[in-house]
mmCIF file of all heavy atoms, coordinates in Angstrom:
data_MODEL
# 
_entry.id   MODEL 
# 
loop_
_atom_site.group_PDB 
_atom_site.id 
_atom_site.type_symbol 
_atom_site.label_atom_id 
_atom_site.label_alt_id 
_atom_site.label_comp_id 
_atom_site.label_asym_id 
_atom_site.label_entity_id 
_atom_site.label_seq_id 
_atom_site.pdbx_PDB_ins_code 
_atom_site.Cartn_x 
_atom_site.Cartn_y 
_atom_site.Cartn_z 
_atom_site.occupancy 
_atom_site.B_iso_or_equiv 
_atom_site.pdbx_formal_charge 
_atom_site.auth_seq_id 
_atom_site.auth_comp_id 
_atom_site.auth_asym_id 
_atom_site.auth_atom_id 
_atom_site.pdbx_PDB_model_num 
ATOM 1   N N   . ASP A 1 1  ? 56.687 120.111 -81.143 1.00 0.00 ? 1  ASP A N   1 
ATOM 2   C CA  . ASP A 1 1  ? 55.594 120.961 -80.595 1.00 0.00 ? 1  ASP A CA  1 
ATOM 3   C C   . ASP A 1 1  ? 55.759 122.403 -81.041 1.00 0.00 ? 1  ASP A C   1 
ATOM 4   O O   . ASP A 1 1  ? 55.577 123.341 -80.258 1.00 0.00 ? 1  ASP A O   1 
ATOM 5   C CB  . ASP A 1 1  ? 55.552 120.844 -79.062 1.00 0.00 ? 1  ASP A CB  1 
ATOM 6   C CG  . ASP A 1 1  ? 55.315 119.435 -78.548 1.00 0.00 ? 1  ASP A CG  1 
ATOM 7   O OD1 . ASP A 1 1  ? 54.629 118.713 -79.296 1.00 0.00 ? 1  ASP A OD1 1 
ATOM 8   O OD2 . ASP A 1 1  ? 55.816 119.040 -77.468 1.00 0.00 ? 1  ASP A OD2 1 
ATOM 9   N N   . GLY A 1 2  ? 56.131 122.610 -82.299 1.00 0.00 ? 2  GLY A N   1 
ATOM 10  C CA  . GLY A 1 2  ? 56.255 123.967 -82.863 1.00 0.00 ? 2  GLY A CA  1 
ATOM 11  C C   . GLY A 1 2  ? 57.527 124.655 -82.530 1.00 0.00 ? 2  GLY A C   1 
ATOM 12  O O   . GLY A 1 2  ? 57.665 125.880 -82.893 1.00 0.00 ? 2  GLY A O   1 
ATOM 13  N N   . VAL A 1 3  ? 58.532 124.030 -81.933 1.00 0.00 ? 3  VAL A N   1 
ATOM 14  C CA  . VAL A 1 3  ? 59.794 124.645 -81.559 1.00 0.00 ? 3  VAL A CA  1 
ATOM 15  C C   . VAL A 1 3  ? 60.954 123.919 -82.243 1.00 0.00 ? 3  VAL A C   1 
ATOM 16  O O   . VAL A 1 3  ? 61.010 122.690 -82.194 1.00 0.00 ? 3  VAL A O   1 
ATOM 17  C CB  . VAL A 1 3  ? 60.020 124.675 -80.027 1.00 0.00 ? 3  VAL A CB  1 
ATOM 18  C CG1 . VAL A 1 3  ? 61.351 125.270 -79.694 1.00 0.00 ? 3  VAL A CG1 1 
ATOM 19  C CG2 . VAL A 1 3  ? 58.922 125.390 -79.275 1.00 0.00 ? 3  VAL A CG2 1 
ATOM 20  N N   . LYS A 1 4  ? 61.763 124.660 -82.966 1.00 0.00 ? 4  LYS A N   1 
ATOM 21  C CA  . LYS A 1 4  ? 62.915 124.018 -83.672 1.00 0.00 ? 4  LYS A CA  1 
ATOM 22  C C   . LYS A 1 4  ? 63.915 123.475 -82.669 1.00 0.00 ? 4  LYS A C   1 
ATOM 23  O O   . LYS A 1 4  ? 64.385 124.202 -81.789 1.00 0.00 ? 4  LYS A O   1 
ATOM 24  C CB  . LYS A 1 4  ? 63.567 125.001 -84.640 1.00 0.00 ? 4  LYS A CB  1 
ATOM 25  C CG  . LYS A 1 4  ? 64.685 124.348 -85.481 1.00 0.00 ? 4  LYS A CG  1 
ATOM 26  C CD  . LYS A 1 4  ? 65.125 125.185 -86.612 1.00 0.00 ? 4  LYS A CD  1 
ATOM 27  C CE  . LYS A 1 4  ? 65.807 126.448 -86.168 1.00 0.00 ? 4  LYS A CE  1 
ATOM 28  N NZ  . LYS A 1 4  ? 66.370 127.225 -87.310 1.00 0.00 ? 4  LYS A NZ  1 
ATOM 29  N N   . LYS A 1 5  ? 64.283 122.233 -82.805 1.00 0.00 ? 5  LYS A N   1 
ATOM 30  C CA  . LYS A 1 5  ? 65.194 121.549 -81.899 1.00 0.00 ? 5  LYS A CA  1 
ATOM 31  C C   . LYS A 1 5  ? 66.535 121.092 -82.508 1.00 0.00 ? 5  LYS A C   1 
ATOM 32  O O   . LYS A 1 5  ? 67.490 120.902 -81.802 1.00 0.00 ? 5  LYS A O   1 
ATOM 33  C CB  . LYS A 1 5  ? 64.550 120.326 -81.289 1.00 0.00 ? 5  LYS A CB  1 
ATOM 34  C CG  . LYS A 1 5  ? 63.342 120.664 -80.395 1.00 0.00 ? 5  LYS A CG  1 
ATOM 35  C CD  . LYS A 1 5  ? 63.787 121.393 -79.093 1.00 0.00 ? 5  LYS A CD  1 
ATOM 36  C CE  . LYS A 1 5  ? 62.671 121.615 -78.125 1.00 0.00 ? 5  LYS A CE  1 
ATOM 37  N NZ  . LYS A 1 5  ? 63.124 122.315 -76.919 1.00 0.00 ? 5  LYS A NZ  1 
ATOM 38  N N   . TYR A 1 6  ? 66.573 120.935 -83.828 1.00 0.00 ? 6  TYR A N   1 
ATOM 39  C CA  . TYR A 1 6  ? 67.814 120.447 -84.408 1.00 0.00 ? 6  TYR A CA  1 
ATOM 40  C C   . TYR A 1 6  ? 67.891 120.812 -85.889 1.00 0.00 ? 6  TYR A C   1 
ATOM 41  O O   . TYR A 1 6  ? 66.846 120.881 -86.606 1.00 0.00 ? 6  TYR A O   1 
ATOM 42  C CB  . TYR A 1 6  ? 67.863 118.880 -84.239 1.00 0.00 ? 6  TYR A CB  1 
ATOM 43  C CG  . TYR A 1 6  ? 69.163 118.268 -84.794 1.00 0.00 ? 6  TYR A CG  1 
ATOM 44  C CD1 . TYR A 1 6  ? 70.257 118.231 -83.925 1.00 0.00 ? 6  TYR A CD1 1 
ATOM 45  C CD2 . TYR A 1 6  ? 69.232 117.706 -86.001 1.00 0.00 ? 6  TYR A CD2 1 
ATOM 46  C CE1 . TYR A 1 6  ? 71.418 117.667 -84.344 1.00 0.00 ? 6  TYR A CE1 1 
ATOM 47  C CE2 . TYR A 1 6  ? 70.449 117.109 -86.445 1.00 0.00 ? 6  TYR A CE2 1 
ATOM 48  C CZ  . TYR A 1 6  ? 71.502 117.101 -85.590 1.00 0.00 ? 6  TYR A CZ  1 
ATOM 49  O OH  . TYR A 1 6  ? 72.696 116.583 -86.019 1.00 0.00 ? 6  TYR A OH  1 
ATOM 50  N N   . THR A 1 7  ? 69.098 121.118 -86.371 1.00 0.00 ? 7  THR A N   1 
ATOM 51  C CA  . THR A 1 7  ? 69.292 121.414 -87.769 1.00 0.00 ? 7  THR A CA  1 
ATOM 52  C C   . THR A 1 7  ? 70.516 120.656 -88.252 1.00 0.00 ? 7  THR A C   1 
ATOM 53  O O   . THR A 1 7  ? 71.548 120.634 -87.622 1.00 0.00 ? 7  THR A O   1 
ATOM 54  C CB  . THR A 1 7  ? 69.598 122.923 -87.938 1.00 0.00 ? 7  THR A CB  1 
ATOM 55  O OG1 . THR A 1 7  ? 68.455 123.691 -87.433 1.00 0.00 ? 7  THR A OG1 1 
ATOM 56  C CG2 . THR A 1 7  ? 69.694 123.266 -89.471 1.00 0.00 ? 7  THR A CG2 1 
ATOM 57  N N   . GLU A 1 8  ? 70.378 119.968 -89.445 1.00 0.00 ? 8  GLU A N   1 
ATOM 58  C CA  . GLU A 1 8  ? 71.460 119.259 -90.090 1.00 0.00 ? 8  GLU A CA  1 
ATOM 59  C C   . GLU A 1 8  ? 71.670 119.889 -91.509 1.00 0.00 ? 8  GLU A C   1 
ATOM 60  O O   . GLU A 1 8  ? 70.678 120.009 -92.225 1.00 0.00 ? 8  GLU A O   1 
ATOM 61  C CB  . GLU A 1 8  ? 71.093 117.780 -90.190 1.00 0.00 ? 8  GLU A CB  1 
ATOM 62  C CG  . GLU A 1 8  ? 72.015 116.979 -91.046 1.00 0.00 ? 8  GLU A CG  1 
ATOM 63  C CD  . GLU A 1 8  ? 73.439 116.958 -90.539 1.00 0.00 ? 8  GLU A CD  1 
ATOM 64  O OE1 . GLU A 1 8  ? 73.624 116.562 -89.358 1.00 0.00 ? 8  GLU A OE1 1 
ATOM 65  O OE2 . GLU A 1 8  ? 74.337 117.367 -91.282 1.00 0.00 ? 8  GLU A OE2 1 
ATOM 66  N N   . THR A 1 9  ? 72.905 120.281 -91.813 1.00 0.00 ? 9  THR A N   1 
ATOM 67  C CA  . THR A 1 9  ? 73.152 120.948 -93.103 1.00 0.00 ? 9  THR A CA  1 
ATOM 68  C C   . THR A 1 9  ? 74.129 120.150 -93.994 1.00 0.00 ? 9  THR A C   1 
ATOM 69  O O   . THR A 1 9  ? 74.343 120.576 -95.129 1.00 0.00 ? 9  THR A O   1 
ATOM 70  C CB  . THR A 1 9  ? 73.764 122.348 -92.834 1.00 0.00 ? 9  THR A CB  1 
ATOM 71  O OG1 . THR A 1 9  ? 74.949 122.163 -92.116 1.00 0.00 ? 9  THR A OG1 1 
ATOM 72  C CG2 . THR A 1 9  ? 72.807 123.207 -92.075 1.00 0.00 ? 9  THR A CG2 1 
ATOM 73  N N   . THR A 1 10 ? 74.652 119.019 -93.523 1.00 0.00 ? 10 THR A N   1 
ATOM 74  C CA  . THR A 1 10 ? 75.650 118.271 -94.306 1.00 0.00 ? 10 THR A CA  1 
ATOM 75  C C   . THR A 1 10 ? 75.230 116.968 -94.774 1.00 0.00 ? 10 THR A C   1 
ATOM 76  O O   . THR A 1 10 ? 75.846 116.323 -95.556 1.00 0.00 ? 10 THR A O   1 
ATOM 77  C CB  . THR A 1 10 ? 76.940 118.134 -93.439 1.00 0.00 ? 10 THR A CB  1 
ATOM 78  O OG1 . THR A 1 10 ? 76.615 117.357 -92.301 1.00 0.00 ? 10 THR A OG1 1 
ATOM 79  C CG2 . THR A 1 10 ? 77.504 119.471 -93.035 1.00 0.00 ? 10 THR A CG2 1 
ATOM 80  N N   . SER A 1 11 ? 74.035 116.480 -94.346 1.00 0.00 ? 11 SER A N   1 
ATOM 81  C CA  . SER A 1 11 ? 73.624 115.133 -94.679 1.00 0.00 ? 11 SER A CA  1 
ATOM 82  C C   . SER A 1 11 ? 72.123 115.109 -94.721 1.00 0.00 ? 11 SER A C   1 
ATOM 83  O O   . SER A 1 11 ? 71.379 115.823 -94.122 1.00 0.00 ? 11 SER A O   1 
ATOM 84  C CB  . SER A 1 11 ? 74.099 114.148 -93.613 1.00 0.00 ? 11 SER A CB  1 
ATOM 85  O OG  . SER A 1 11 ? 73.547 112.838 -93.815 1.00 0.00 ? 11 SER A OG  1 
ATOM 86  N N   . LEU A 1 12 ? 71.610 114.140 -95.574 1.00 0.00 ? 12 LEU A N   1 
ATOM 87  C CA  . LEU A 1 12 ? 70.159 113.883 -95.684 1.00 0.00 ? 12 LEU A CA  1 
ATOM 88  C C   . LEU A 1 12 ? 69.680 112.810 -94.686 1.00 0.00 ? 12 LEU A C   1 
ATOM 89  O O   . LEU A 1 12 ? 68.580 112.270 -94.814 1.00 0.00 ? 12 LEU A O   1 
ATOM 90  C CB  . LEU A 1 12 ? 69.799 113.458 -97.129 1.00 0.00 ? 12 LEU A CB  1 
ATOM 91  C CG  . LEU A 1 12 ? 69.721 114.573 -98.128 1.00 0.00 ? 12 LEU A CG  1 
ATOM 92  C CD1 . LEU A 1 12 ? 69.731 114.033 -99.554 1.00 0.00 ? 12 LEU A CD1 1 
ATOM 93  C CD2 . LEU A 1 12 ? 68.443 115.348 -97.887 1.00 0.00 ? 12 LEU A CD2 1 
ATOM 94  N N   . TRP A 1 13 ? 70.561 112.594 -93.661 1.00 0.00 ? 13 TRP A N   1 
ATOM 95  C CA  . TRP A 1 13 ? 70.149 111.686 -92.579 1.00 0.00 ? 13 TRP A CA  1 
ATOM 96  C C   . TRP A 1 13 ? 70.663 112.284 -91.297 1.00 0.00 ? 13 TRP A C   1 
ATOM 97  O O   . TRP A 1 13 ? 71.697 112.920 -91.217 1.00 0.00 ? 13 TRP A O   1 
ATOM 98  C CB  . TRP A 1 13 ? 70.822 110.348 -92.797 1.00 0.00 ? 13 TRP A CB  1 
ATOM 99  C CG  . TRP A 1 13 ? 70.598 109.406 -91.600 1.00 0.00 ? 13 TRP A CG  1 
ATOM 100 C CD1 . TRP A 1 13 ? 69.590 108.557 -91.428 1.00 0.00 ? 13 TRP A CD1 1 
ATOM 101 C CD2 . TRP A 1 13 ? 71.478 109.242 -90.529 1.00 0.00 ? 13 TRP A CD2 1 
ATOM 102 N NE1 . TRP A 1 13 ? 69.721 107.898 -90.237 1.00 0.00 ? 13 TRP A NE1 1 
ATOM 103 C CE2 . TRP A 1 13 ? 70.904 108.286 -89.626 1.00 0.00 ? 13 TRP A CE2 1 
ATOM 104 C CE3 . TRP A 1 13 ? 72.686 109.832 -90.148 1.00 0.00 ? 13 TRP A CE3 1 
ATOM 105 C CZ2 . TRP A 1 13 ? 71.479 107.902 -88.442 1.00 0.00 ? 13 TRP A CZ2 1 
ATOM 106 C CZ3 . TRP A 1 13 ? 73.260 109.438 -88.942 1.00 0.00 ? 13 TRP A CZ3 1 
ATOM 107 C CH2 . TRP A 1 13 ? 72.653 108.492 -88.089 1.00 0.00 ? 13 TRP A CH2 1 
ATOM 108 N N   . PHE A 1 14 ? 69.872 112.135 -90.206 1.00 0.00 ? 14 PHE A N   1 
ATOM 109 C CA  . PHE A 1 14 ? 70.389 112.517 -88.913 1.00 0.00 ? 14 PHE A CA  1 
ATOM 110 C C   . PHE A 1 14 ? 69.717 111.661 -87.806 1.00 0.00 ? 14 PHE A C   1 
ATOM 111 O O   . PHE A 1 14 ? 68.634 111.116 -88.003 1.00 0.00 ? 14 PHE A O   1 
ATOM 112 C CB  . PHE A 1 14 ? 70.148 114.059 -88.644 1.00 0.00 ? 14 PHE A CB  1 
ATOM 113 C CG  . PHE A 1 14 ? 68.711 114.439 -88.366 1.00 0.00 ? 14 PHE A CG  1 
ATOM 114 C CD1 . PHE A 1 14 ? 68.137 114.230 -87.114 1.00 0.00 ? 14 PHE A CD1 1 
ATOM 115 C CD2 . PHE A 1 14 ? 67.945 114.957 -89.359 1.00 0.00 ? 14 PHE A CD2 1 
ATOM 116 C CE1 . PHE A 1 14 ? 66.774 114.601 -86.891 1.00 0.00 ? 14 PHE A CE1 1 
ATOM 117 C CE2 . PHE A 1 14 ? 66.628 115.360 -89.124 1.00 0.00 ? 14 PHE A CE2 1 
ATOM 118 C CZ  . PHE A 1 14 ? 66.041 115.155 -87.872 1.00 0.00 ? 14 PHE A CZ  1 
ATOM 119 N N   . ASN A 1 15 ? 70.411 111.648 -86.661 1.00 0.00 ? 15 ASN A N   1 
ATOM 120 C CA  . ASN A 1 15 ? 69.760 111.189 -85.420 1.00 0.00 ? 15 ASN A CA  1 
ATOM 121 C C   . ASN A 1 15 ? 70.155 112.082 -84.270 1.00 0.00 ? 15 ASN A C   1 
ATOM 122 O O   . ASN A 1 15 ? 71.275 112.607 -84.236 1.00 0.00 ? 15 ASN A O   1 
ATOM 123 C CB  . ASN A 1 15 ? 70.094 109.686 -85.135 1.00 0.00 ? 15 ASN A CB  1 
ATOM 124 C CG  . ASN A 1 15 ? 71.506 109.485 -84.756 1.00 0.00 ? 15 ASN A CG  1 
ATOM 125 O OD1 . ASN A 1 15 ? 72.386 110.357 -84.789 1.00 0.00 ? 15 ASN A OD1 1 
ATOM 126 N ND2 . ASN A 1 15 ? 71.826 108.272 -84.376 1.00 0.00 ? 15 ASN A ND2 1 
ATOM 127 N N   . THR A 1 16 ? 69.286 112.331 -83.405 1.00 0.00 ? 16 THR A N   1 
ATOM 128 C CA  . THR A 1 16 ? 69.498 113.186 -82.258 1.00 0.00 ? 16 THR A CA  1 
ATOM 129 C C   . THR A 1 16 ? 68.508 112.788 -81.173 1.00 0.00 ? 16 THR A C   1 
ATOM 130 O O   . THR A 1 16 ? 67.566 112.040 -81.409 1.00 0.00 ? 16 THR A O   1 
ATOM 131 C CB  . THR A 1 16 ? 69.376 114.694 -82.622 1.00 0.00 ? 16 THR A CB  1 
ATOM 132 O OG1 . THR A 1 16 ? 69.739 115.482 -81.480 1.00 0.00 ? 16 THR A OG1 1 
ATOM 133 C CG2 . THR A 1 16 ? 67.930 115.046 -82.905 1.00 0.00 ? 16 THR A CG2 1 
ATOM 134 N N   . SER A 1 17 ? 68.699 113.278 -79.945 1.00 0.00 ? 17 SER A N   1 
ATOM 135 C CA  . SER A 1 17 ? 67.756 113.017 -78.887 1.00 0.00 ? 17 SER A CA  1 
ATOM 136 C C   . SER A 1 17 ? 67.315 114.383 -78.326 1.00 0.00 ? 17 SER A C   1 
ATOM 137 O O   . SER A 1 17 ? 68.104 115.339 -78.242 1.00 0.00 ? 17 SER A O   1 
ATOM 138 C CB  . SER A 1 17 ? 68.390 112.170 -77.760 1.00 0.00 ? 17 SER A CB  1 
ATOM 139 O OG  . SER A 1 17 ? 69.502 112.795 -77.203 1.00 0.00 ? 17 SER A OG  1 
ATOM 140 N N   . VAL A 1 18 ? 66.079 114.437 -77.927 1.00 0.00 ? 18 VAL A N   1 
ATOM 141 C CA  . VAL A 1 18 ? 65.500 115.693 -77.406 1.00 0.00 ? 18 VAL A CA  1 
ATOM 142 C C   . VAL A 1 18 ? 64.736 115.368 -76.104 1.00 0.00 ? 18 VAL A C   1 
ATOM 143 O O   . VAL A 1 18 ? 64.104 114.310 -76.012 1.00 0.00 ? 18 VAL A O   1 
ATOM 144 C CB  . VAL A 1 18 ? 64.500 116.328 -78.433 1.00 0.00 ? 18 VAL A CB  1 
ATOM 145 C CG1 . VAL A 1 18 ? 65.291 116.862 -79.617 1.00 0.00 ? 18 VAL A CG1 1 
ATOM 146 C CG2 . VAL A 1 18 ? 63.455 115.377 -78.869 1.00 0.00 ? 18 VAL A CG2 1 
ATOM 147 N N   . TYR A 1 19 ? 64.841 116.297 -75.184 1.00 0.00 ? 19 TYR A N   1 
ATOM 148 C CA  . TYR A 1 19 ? 64.155 116.160 -73.898 1.00 0.00 ? 19 TYR A CA  1 
ATOM 149 C C   . TYR A 1 19 ? 62.754 116.784 -73.999 1.00 0.00 ? 19 TYR A C   1 
ATOM 150 O O   . TYR A 1 19 ? 62.612 117.905 -74.444 1.00 0.00 ? 19 TYR A O   1 
ATOM 151 C CB  . TYR A 1 19 ? 64.932 116.843 -72.770 1.00 0.00 ? 19 TYR A CB  1 
ATOM 152 C CG  . TYR A 1 19 ? 66.201 116.109 -72.401 1.00 0.00 ? 19 TYR A CG  1 
ATOM 153 C CD1 . TYR A 1 19 ? 67.370 116.283 -73.108 1.00 0.00 ? 19 TYR A CD1 1 
ATOM 154 C CD2 . TYR A 1 19 ? 66.220 115.229 -71.336 1.00 0.00 ? 19 TYR A CD2 1 
ATOM 155 C CE1 . TYR A 1 19 ? 68.525 115.670 -72.750 1.00 0.00 ? 19 TYR A CE1 1 
ATOM 156 C CE2 . TYR A 1 19 ? 67.387 114.542 -70.957 1.00 0.00 ? 19 TYR A CE2 1 
ATOM 157 C CZ  . TYR A 1 19 ? 68.544 114.791 -71.721 1.00 0.00 ? 19 TYR A CZ  1 
ATOM 158 O OH  . TYR A 1 19 ? 69.709 114.140 -71.354 1.00 0.00 ? 19 TYR A OH  1 
ATOM 159 N N   . VAL A 1 20 ? 61.763 116.026 -73.595 1.00 0.00 ? 20 VAL A N   1 
ATOM 160 C CA  . VAL A 1 20 ? 60.384 116.531 -73.608 1.00 0.00 ? 20 VAL A CA  1 
ATOM 161 C C   . VAL A 1 20 ? 59.729 116.126 -72.273 1.00 0.00 ? 20 VAL A C   1 
ATOM 162 O O   . VAL A 1 20 ? 60.126 115.189 -71.588 1.00 0.00 ? 20 VAL A O   1 
ATOM 163 C CB  . VAL A 1 20 ? 59.560 115.996 -74.806 1.00 0.00 ? 20 VAL A CB  1 
ATOM 164 C CG1 . VAL A 1 20 ? 60.140 116.457 -76.104 1.00 0.00 ? 20 VAL A CG1 1 
ATOM 165 C CG2 . VAL A 1 20 ? 59.474 114.474 -74.740 1.00 0.00 ? 20 VAL A CG2 1 
ATOM 166 N N   . GLY A 1 21 ? 58.652 116.827 -71.906 1.00 0.00 ? 21 GLY A N   1 
ATOM 167 C CA  . GLY A 1 21 ? 57.967 116.540 -70.691 1.00 0.00 ? 21 GLY A CA  1 
ATOM 168 C C   . GLY A 1 21 ? 56.898 115.487 -70.962 1.00 0.00 ? 21 GLY A C   1 
ATOM 169 O O   . GLY A 1 21 ? 56.686 115.010 -72.074 1.00 0.00 ? 21 GLY A O   1 
ATOM 170 N N   . PRO A 1 22 ? 56.210 115.057 -69.921 1.00 0.00 ? 22 PRO A N   1 
ATOM 171 C CA  . PRO A 1 22 ? 55.117 114.046 -70.071 1.00 0.00 ? 22 PRO A CA  1 
ATOM 172 C C   . PRO A 1 22 ? 53.998 114.563 -70.964 1.00 0.00 ? 22 PRO A C   1 
ATOM 173 O O   . PRO A 1 22 ? 53.701 115.743 -70.981 1.00 0.00 ? 22 PRO A O   1 
ATOM 174 C CB  . PRO A 1 22 ? 54.651 113.790 -68.640 1.00 0.00 ? 22 PRO A CB  1 
ATOM 175 C CG  . PRO A 1 22 ? 55.735 114.296 -67.789 1.00 0.00 ? 22 PRO A CG  1 
ATOM 176 C CD  . PRO A 1 22 ? 56.401 115.408 -68.508 1.00 0.00 ? 22 PRO A CD  1 
ATOM 177 N N   . GLY A 1 23 ? 53.388 113.639 -71.687 1.00 0.00 ? 23 GLY A N   1 
ATOM 178 C CA  . GLY A 1 23 ? 52.267 114.028 -72.493 1.00 0.00 ? 23 GLY A CA  1 
ATOM 179 C C   . GLY A 1 23 ? 52.448 113.715 -73.997 1.00 0.00 ? 23 GLY A C   1 
ATOM 180 O O   . GLY A 1 23 ? 53.338 112.955 -74.407 1.00 0.00 ? 23 GLY A O   1 
ATOM 181 N N   . ASP A 1 24 ? 51.529 114.194 -74.830 1.00 0.00 ? 24 ASP A N   1 
ATOM 182 C CA  . ASP A 1 24 ? 51.529 113.981 -76.294 1.00 0.00 ? 24 ASP A CA  1 
ATOM 183 C C   . ASP A 1 24 ? 52.414 115.038 -76.929 1.00 0.00 ? 24 ASP A C   1 
ATOM 184 O O   . ASP A 1 24 ? 52.310 116.272 -76.650 1.00 0.00 ? 24 ASP A O   1 
ATOM 185 C CB  . ASP A 1 24 ? 50.125 114.041 -76.816 1.00 0.00 ? 24 ASP A CB  1 
ATOM 186 C CG  . ASP A 1 24 ? 49.227 112.942 -76.216 1.00 0.00 ? 24 ASP A CG  1 
ATOM 187 O OD1 . ASP A 1 24 ? 49.731 111.868 -75.919 1.00 0.00 ? 24 ASP A OD1 1 
ATOM 188 O OD2 . ASP A 1 24 ? 48.035 113.186 -76.075 1.00 0.00 ? 24 ASP A OD2 1 
ATOM 189 N N   . HIS A 1 25 ? 53.186 114.587 -77.914 1.00 0.00 ? 25 HIS A N   1 
ATOM 190 C CA  . HIS A 1 25 ? 54.119 115.512 -78.585 1.00 0.00 ? 25 HIS A CA  1 
ATOM 191 C C   . HIS A 1 25 ? 54.092 115.299 -80.127 1.00 0.00 ? 25 HIS A C   1 
ATOM 192 O O   . HIS A 1 25 ? 53.821 114.174 -80.607 1.00 0.00 ? 25 HIS A O   1 
ATOM 193 C CB  . HIS A 1 25 ? 55.536 115.341 -78.100 1.00 0.00 ? 25 HIS A CB  1 
ATOM 194 C CG  . HIS A 1 25 ? 55.666 115.565 -76.630 1.00 0.00 ? 25 HIS A CG  1 
ATOM 195 N ND1 . HIS A 1 25 ? 55.708 116.826 -76.105 1.00 0.00 ? 25 HIS A ND1 1 
ATOM 196 C CD2 . HIS A 1 25 ? 55.725 114.686 -75.598 1.00 0.00 ? 25 HIS A CD2 1 
ATOM 197 C CE1 . HIS A 1 25 ? 55.866 116.751 -74.767 1.00 0.00 ? 25 HIS A CE1 1 
ATOM 198 N NE2 . HIS A 1 25 ? 55.865 115.457 -74.399 1.00 0.00 ? 25 HIS A NE2 1 
ATOM 199 N N   . HIS A 1 26 ? 54.296 116.416 -80.844 1.00 0.00 ? 26 HIS A N   1 
ATOM 200 C CA  . HIS A 1 26 ? 54.222 116.407 -82.286 1.00 0.00 ? 26 HIS A CA  1 
ATOM 201 C C   . HIS A 1 26 ? 55.635 116.653 -82.803 1.00 0.00 ? 26 HIS A C   1 
ATOM 202 O O   . HIS A 1 26 ? 56.259 117.664 -82.546 1.00 0.00 ? 26 HIS A O   1 
ATOM 203 C CB  . HIS A 1 26 ? 53.229 117.575 -82.733 1.00 0.00 ? 26 HIS A CB  1 
ATOM 204 C CG  . HIS A 1 26 ? 53.032 117.608 -84.204 1.00 0.00 ? 26 HIS A CG  1 
ATOM 205 N ND1 . HIS A 1 26 ? 52.536 118.743 -84.849 1.00 0.00 ? 26 HIS A ND1 1 
ATOM 206 C CD2 . HIS A 1 26 ? 53.232 116.704 -85.193 1.00 0.00 ? 26 HIS A CD2 1 
ATOM 207 C CE1 . HIS A 1 26 ? 52.413 118.500 -86.122 1.00 0.00 ? 26 HIS A CE1 1 
ATOM 208 N NE2 . HIS A 1 26 ? 52.933 117.278 -86.348 1.00 0.00 ? 26 HIS A NE2 1 
ATOM 209 N N   . PHE A 1 27 ? 56.113 115.730 -83.632 1.00 0.00 ? 27 PHE A N   1 
ATOM 210 C CA  . PHE A 1 27 ? 57.459 115.762 -84.215 1.00 0.00 ? 27 PHE A CA  1 
ATOM 211 C C   . PHE A 1 27 ? 57.336 116.021 -85.727 1.00 0.00 ? 27 PHE A C   1 
ATOM 212 O O   . PHE A 1 27 ? 56.732 115.226 -86.447 1.00 0.00 ? 27 PHE A O   1 
ATOM 213 C CB  . PHE A 1 27 ? 58.205 114.452 -83.967 1.00 0.00 ? 27 PHE A CB  1 
ATOM 214 C CG  . PHE A 1 27 ? 58.458 114.156 -82.535 1.00 0.00 ? 27 PHE A CG  1 
ATOM 215 C CD1 . PHE A 1 27 ? 57.438 113.569 -81.745 1.00 0.00 ? 27 PHE A CD1 1 
ATOM 216 C CD2 . PHE A 1 27 ? 59.661 114.390 -81.915 1.00 0.00 ? 27 PHE A CD2 1 
ATOM 217 C CE1 . PHE A 1 27 ? 57.618 113.298 -80.432 1.00 0.00 ? 27 PHE A CE1 1 
ATOM 218 C CE2 . PHE A 1 27 ? 59.856 114.127 -80.572 1.00 0.00 ? 27 PHE A CE2 1 
ATOM 219 C CZ  . PHE A 1 27 ? 58.868 113.558 -79.820 1.00 0.00 ? 27 PHE A CZ  1 
ATOM 220 N N   . ASP A 1 28 ? 57.988 117.099 -86.156 1.00 0.00 ? 28 ASP A N   1 
ATOM 221 C CA  . ASP A 1 28 ? 58.033 117.452 -87.598 1.00 0.00 ? 28 ASP A CA  1 
ATOM 222 C C   . ASP A 1 28 ? 59.493 117.448 -88.097 1.00 0.00 ? 28 ASP A C   1 
ATOM 223 O O   . ASP A 1 28 ? 60.341 118.048 -87.432 1.00 0.00 ? 28 ASP A O   1 
ATOM 224 C CB  . ASP A 1 28 ? 57.443 118.847 -87.900 1.00 0.00 ? 28 ASP A CB  1 
ATOM 225 C CG  . ASP A 1 28 ? 55.921 118.896 -87.574 1.00 0.00 ? 28 ASP A CG  1 
ATOM 226 O OD1 . ASP A 1 28 ? 55.228 118.039 -87.981 1.00 0.00 ? 28 ASP A OD1 1 
ATOM 227 O OD2 . ASP A 1 28 ? 55.545 119.924 -86.931 1.00 0.00 ? 28 ASP A OD2 1 
# 
């Protein structure tokens, strides 16, 4: 939703979890 939540600098793959509120969300 337009806010940076995670950065990975050592690999071309990542997994993470993020807390969001109810509703529709946009993941980039």
